PDB file of N, CA and C in Angstrom:
ATOM      1  N   MET A   1      23.824 -19.731  21.723  1.00  0.00           N
ATOM      2  CA  MET A   1      24.984 -19.739  20.814  1.00  0.00           C
ATOM      3  C   MET A   1      26.143 -19.024  21.494  1.00  0.00           C
ATOM      4  N   TYR A   2      27.342 -19.483  21.265  1.00  0.00           N
ATOM      5  CA  TYR A   2      28.511 -18.859  21.863  1.00  0.00           C
ATOM      6  C   TYR A   2      28.849 -17.552  21.164  1.00  0.00           C
ATOM      7  N   ALA A   3      29.565 -16.709  21.890  1.00  0.00           N
ATOM      8  CA  ALA A   3      30.056 -15.482  21.260  1.00  0.00           C
ATOM      9  C   ALA A   3      30.952 -15.868  20.093  1.00  0.00           C
ATOM     10  N   THR A   4      30.868 -15.116  19.010  1.00  0.00           N
ATOM     11  CA  THR A   4      31.684 -15.469  17.852  1.00  0.00           C
ATOM     12  C   THR A   4      33.135 -15.086  18.070  1.00  0.00           C
ATOM     13  N   ASP A   5      33.357 -14.117  18.936  1.00  0.00           N
ATOM     14  CA  ASP A   5      34.728 -13.684  19.207  1.00  0.00           C
ATOM     15  C   ASP A   5      35.248 -14.418  20.435  1.00  0.00           C
ATOM     16  N   ASP A   6      36.247 -15.270  20.245  1.00  0.00           N
ATOM     17  CA  ASP A   6      36.752 -16.095  21.347  1.00  0.00           C
ATOM     18  C   ASP A   6      37.306 -15.265  22.490  1.00  0.00           C
ATOM     19  N   ARG A   7      37.792 -14.065  22.205  1.00  0.00           N
ATOM     20  CA  ARG A   7      38.346 -13.230  23.263  1.00  0.00           C
ATOM     21  C   ARG A   7      37.300 -12.933  24.316  1.00  0.00           C
ATOM     22  N   ASP A   8      36.041 -12.858  23.876  1.00  0.00           N
ATOM     23  CA  ASP A   8      34.967 -12.573  24.822  1.00  0.00           C
ATOM     24  C   ASP A   8      34.957 -13.579  25.946  1.00  0.00           C
ATOM     25  N   TYR A   9      35.376 -14.803  25.656  1.00  0.00           N
ATOM     26  CA  TYR A   9      35.188 -15.775  26.715  1.00  0.00           C
ATOM     27  C   TYR A   9      36.437 -16.395  27.274  1.00  0.00           C
ATOM     28  N   LEU A  10      37.565 -16.222  26.646  1.00  0.00           N
ATOM     29  CA  LEU A  10      38.763 -16.808  27.249  1.00  0.00           C
ATOM     30  C   LEU A  10      39.964 -15.883  27.305  1.00  0.00           C
ATOM     31  N   GLY A  11      39.845 -14.694  26.773  1.00  0.00           N
ATOM     32  CA  GLY A  11      40.931 -13.737  26.921  1.00  0.00           C
ATOM     33  C   GLY A  11      42.032 -13.856  25.893  1.00  0.00           C
ATOM     34  N   PHE A  12      41.990 -14.854  25.008  1.00  0.00           N
ATOM     35  CA  PHE A  12      42.913 -14.794  23.887  1.00  0.00           C
ATOM     36  C   PHE A  12      42.150 -15.001  22.606  1.00  0.00           C
ATOM     37  N   SER A  13      42.749 -14.575  21.495  1.00  0.00           N
ATOM     38  CA  SER A  13      41.971 -14.544  20.263  1.00  0.00           C
ATOM     39  C   SER A  13      42.257 -15.758  19.406  1.00  0.00           C
ATOM     40  N   ASN A  14      41.205 -16.519  19.135  1.00  0.00           N
ATOM     41  CA  ASN A  14      41.241 -17.624  18.182  1.00  0.00           C
ATOM     42  C   ASN A  14      42.396 -18.584  18.417  1.00  0.00           C
ATOM     43  N   ASP A  15      42.762 -18.773  19.663  1.00  0.00           N
ATOM     44  CA  ASP A  15      43.888 -19.650  19.972  1.00  0.00           C
ATOM     45  C   ASP A  15      43.365 -20.957  20.544  1.00  0.00           C
ATOM     46  N   ILE A  16      42.124 -21.295  20.200  1.00  0.00           N
ATOM     47  CA  ILE A  16      41.476 -22.435  20.826  1.00  0.00           C
ATOM     48  C   ILE A  16      41.107 -23.445  19.752  1.00  0.00           C
ATOM     49  N   PRO A  17      41.807 -24.567  19.691  1.00  0.00           N
ATOM     50  CA  PRO A  17      41.572 -25.541  18.626  1.00  0.00           C
ATOM     51  C   PRO A  17      40.115 -25.983  18.540  1.00  0.00           C
ATOM     52  N   GLN A  18      39.469 -26.221  19.703  1.00  0.00           N
ATOM     53  CA  GLN A  18      38.092 -26.700  19.666  1.00  0.00           C
ATOM     54  C   GLN A  18      37.190 -25.732  18.921  1.00  0.00           C
ATOM     55  N   SER A  19      37.399 -24.437  19.130  1.00  0.00           N
ATOM     56  CA  SER A  19      36.495 -23.489  18.493  1.00  0.00           C
ATOM     57  C   SER A  19      36.692 -23.503  16.987  1.00  0.00           C
ATOM     58  N   ALA A  20      37.931 -23.700  16.550  1.00  0.00           N
ATOM     59  CA  ALA A  20      38.184 -23.782  15.113  1.00  0.00           C
ATOM     60  C   ALA A  20      37.506 -25.030  14.543  1.00  0.00           C
ATOM     61  N   ASP A  21      37.624 -26.151  15.260  1.00  0.00           N
ATOM     62  CA  ASP A  21      36.957 -27.378  14.830  1.00  0.00           C
ATOM     63  C   ASP A  21      35.454 -27.179  14.778  1.00  0.00           C
ATOM     64  N   HIS A  22      34.934 -26.491  15.800  1.00  0.00           N
ATOM     65  CA  HIS A  22      33.498 -26.251  15.872  1.00  0.00           C
ATOM     66  C   HIS A  22      33.045 -25.412  14.680  1.00  0.00           C
ATOM     67  N   LEU A  23      33.784 -24.347  14.392  1.00  0.00           N
ATOM     68  CA  LEU A  23      33.435 -23.493  13.258  1.00  0.00           C
ATOM     69  C   LEU A  23      33.483 -24.288  11.958  1.00  0.00           C
ATOM     70  N   HIS A  24      34.499 -25.136  11.838  1.00  0.00           N
ATOM     71  CA  HIS A  24      34.645 -25.960  10.637  1.00  0.00           C
ATOM     72  C   HIS A  24      33.443 -26.900  10.482  1.00  0.00           C
ATOM     73  N   LEU A  25      33.048 -27.514  11.598  1.00  0.00           N
ATOM     74  CA  LEU A  25      31.888 -28.404  11.580  1.00  0.00           C
ATOM     75  C   LEU A  25      30.627 -27.657  11.183  1.00  0.00           C
ATOM     76  N   MET A  26      30.435 -26.484  11.771  1.00  0.00           N
ATOM     77  CA  MET A  26      29.253 -25.686  11.459  1.00  0.00           C
ATOM     78  C   MET A  26      29.239 -25.341   9.976  1.00  0.00           C
ATOM     79  N   GLU A  27      30.407 -24.999   9.459  1.00  0.00           N
ATOM     80  CA  GLU A  27      30.527 -24.650   8.044  1.00  0.00           C
ATOM     81  C   GLU A  27      30.148 -25.849   7.167  1.00  0.00           C
ATOM     82  N   GLU A  28      30.639 -27.033   7.537  1.00  0.00           N
ATOM     83  CA  GLU A  28      30.317 -28.232   6.752  1.00  0.00           C
ATOM     84  C   GLU A  28      28.832 -28.545   6.799  1.00  0.00           C
ATOM     85  N   LEU A  29      28.239 -28.419   7.987  1.00  0.00           N
ATOM     86  CA  LEU A  29      26.806 -28.674   8.113  1.00  0.00           C
ATOM     87  C   LEU A  29      26.015 -27.708   7.248  1.00  0.00           C
ATOM     88  N   LYS A  30      26.419 -26.439   7.279  1.00  0.00           N
ATOM     89  CA  LYS A  30      25.728 -25.426   6.492  1.00  0.00           C
ATOM     90  C   LYS A  30      25.837 -25.762   5.006  1.00  0.00           C
ATOM     91  N   ASN A  31      27.022 -26.171   4.567  1.00  0.00           N
ATOM     92  CA  ASN A  31      27.224 -26.520   3.161  1.00  0.00           C
ATOM     93  C   ASN A  31      26.378 -27.725   2.754  1.00  0.00           C
ATOM     94  N   GLU A  32      26.312 -28.735   3.638  1.00  0.00           N
ATOM     95  CA  GLU A  32      25.490 -29.910   3.336  1.00  0.00           C
ATOM     96  C   GLU A  32      24.029 -29.515   3.200  1.00  0.00           C
ATOM     97  N   LYS A  33      23.581 -28.651   4.106  1.00  0.00           N
ATOM     98  CA  LYS A  33      22.193 -28.197   4.067  1.00  0.00           C
ATOM     99  C   LYS A  33      21.923 -27.462   2.757  1.00  0.00           C
ATOM    100  N   LEU A  34      22.847 -26.599   2.364  1.00  0.00           N
ATOM    101  CA  LEU A  34      22.680 -25.854   1.114  1.00  0.00           C
ATOM    102  C   LEU A  34      22.656 -26.791  -0.090  1.00  0.00           C
ATOM    103  N   GLU A  35      23.514 -27.811  -0.061  1.00  0.00           N
ATOM    104  CA  GLU A  35      23.530 -28.778  -1.166  1.00  0.00           C
ATOM    105  C   GLU A  35      22.204 -29.523  -1.262  1.00  0.00           C
ATOM    106  N   LYS A  36      21.673 -29.940  -0.101  1.00  0.00           N
ATOM    107  CA  LYS A  36      20.381 -30.633  -0.096  1.00  0.00           C
ATOM    108  C   LYS A  36      19.297 -29.724  -0.654  1.00  0.00           C
ATOM    109  N   GLU A  37      19.296 -28.469  -0.215  1.00  0.00           N
ATOM    110  CA  GLU A  37      18.289 -27.531  -0.702  1.00  0.00           C
ATOM    111  C   GLU A  37      18.421 -27.348  -2.208  1.00  0.00           C
ATOM    112  N   ALA A  38      19.650 -27.298  -2.691  1.00  0.00           N
ATOM    113  CA  ALA A  38      19.878 -27.121  -4.127  1.00  0.00           C
ATOM    114  C   ALA A  38      19.364 -28.340  -4.907  1.00  0.00           C
ATOM    115  N   GLU A  39      19.570 -29.540  -4.353  1.00  0.00           N
ATOM    116  CA  GLU A  39      19.088 -30.756  -5.016  1.00  0.00           C
ATOM    117  C   GLU A  39      17.569 -30.766  -5.110  1.00  0.00           C
ATOM    118  N   ASN A  40      16.927 -30.265  -4.057  1.00  0.00           N
ATOM    119  CA  ASN A  40      15.464 -30.297  -4.013  1.00  0.00           C
ATOM    120  C   ASN A  40      14.832 -29.090  -4.682  1.00  0.00           C
ATOM    121  N   PHE A  41      15.645 -28.204  -5.191  1.00  0.00           N
ATOM    122  CA  PHE A  41      15.134 -26.972  -5.785  1.00  0.00           C
ATOM    123  C   PHE A  41      14.438 -27.257  -7.113  1.00  0.00           C
ATOM    124  N   VAL A  42      13.210 -26.791  -7.216  1.00  0.00           N
ATOM    125  CA  VAL A  42      12.470 -26.926  -8.474  1.00  0.00           C
ATOM    126  C   VAL A  42      12.101 -25.526  -8.939  1.00  0.00           C
ATOM    127  N   PRO A  43      12.637 -25.105 -10.068  1.00  0.00           N
ATOM    128  CA  PRO A  43      12.320 -23.754 -10.549  1.00  0.00           C
ATOM    129  C   PRO A  43      10.828 -23.620 -10.829  1.00  0.00           C
ATOM    130  N   LEU A  44      10.289 -22.476 -10.492  1.00  0.00           N
ATOM    131  CA  LEU A  44       8.877 -22.224 -10.791  1.00  0.00           C
ATOM    132  C   LEU A  44       8.716 -22.012 -12.285  1.00  0.00           C
ATOM    133  N   LYS A  45       7.663 -22.603 -12.826  1.00  0.00           N
ATOM    134  CA  LYS A  45       7.461 -22.449 -14.277  1.00  0.00           C
ATOM    135  C   LYS A  45       6.560 -21.270 -14.557  1.00  0.00           C
TER     136      LYS A  45
END
């Protein structure tokens, strides 16, 4: 996994469009996963 702080690897902070897109994609994937888990959730009786 890449460093979460962009400065670690390119010397400027969060000025890299790809990393923002990547974070956005990761966020969407995480949300989709959570939605699927919520759909499949069966409360214990």
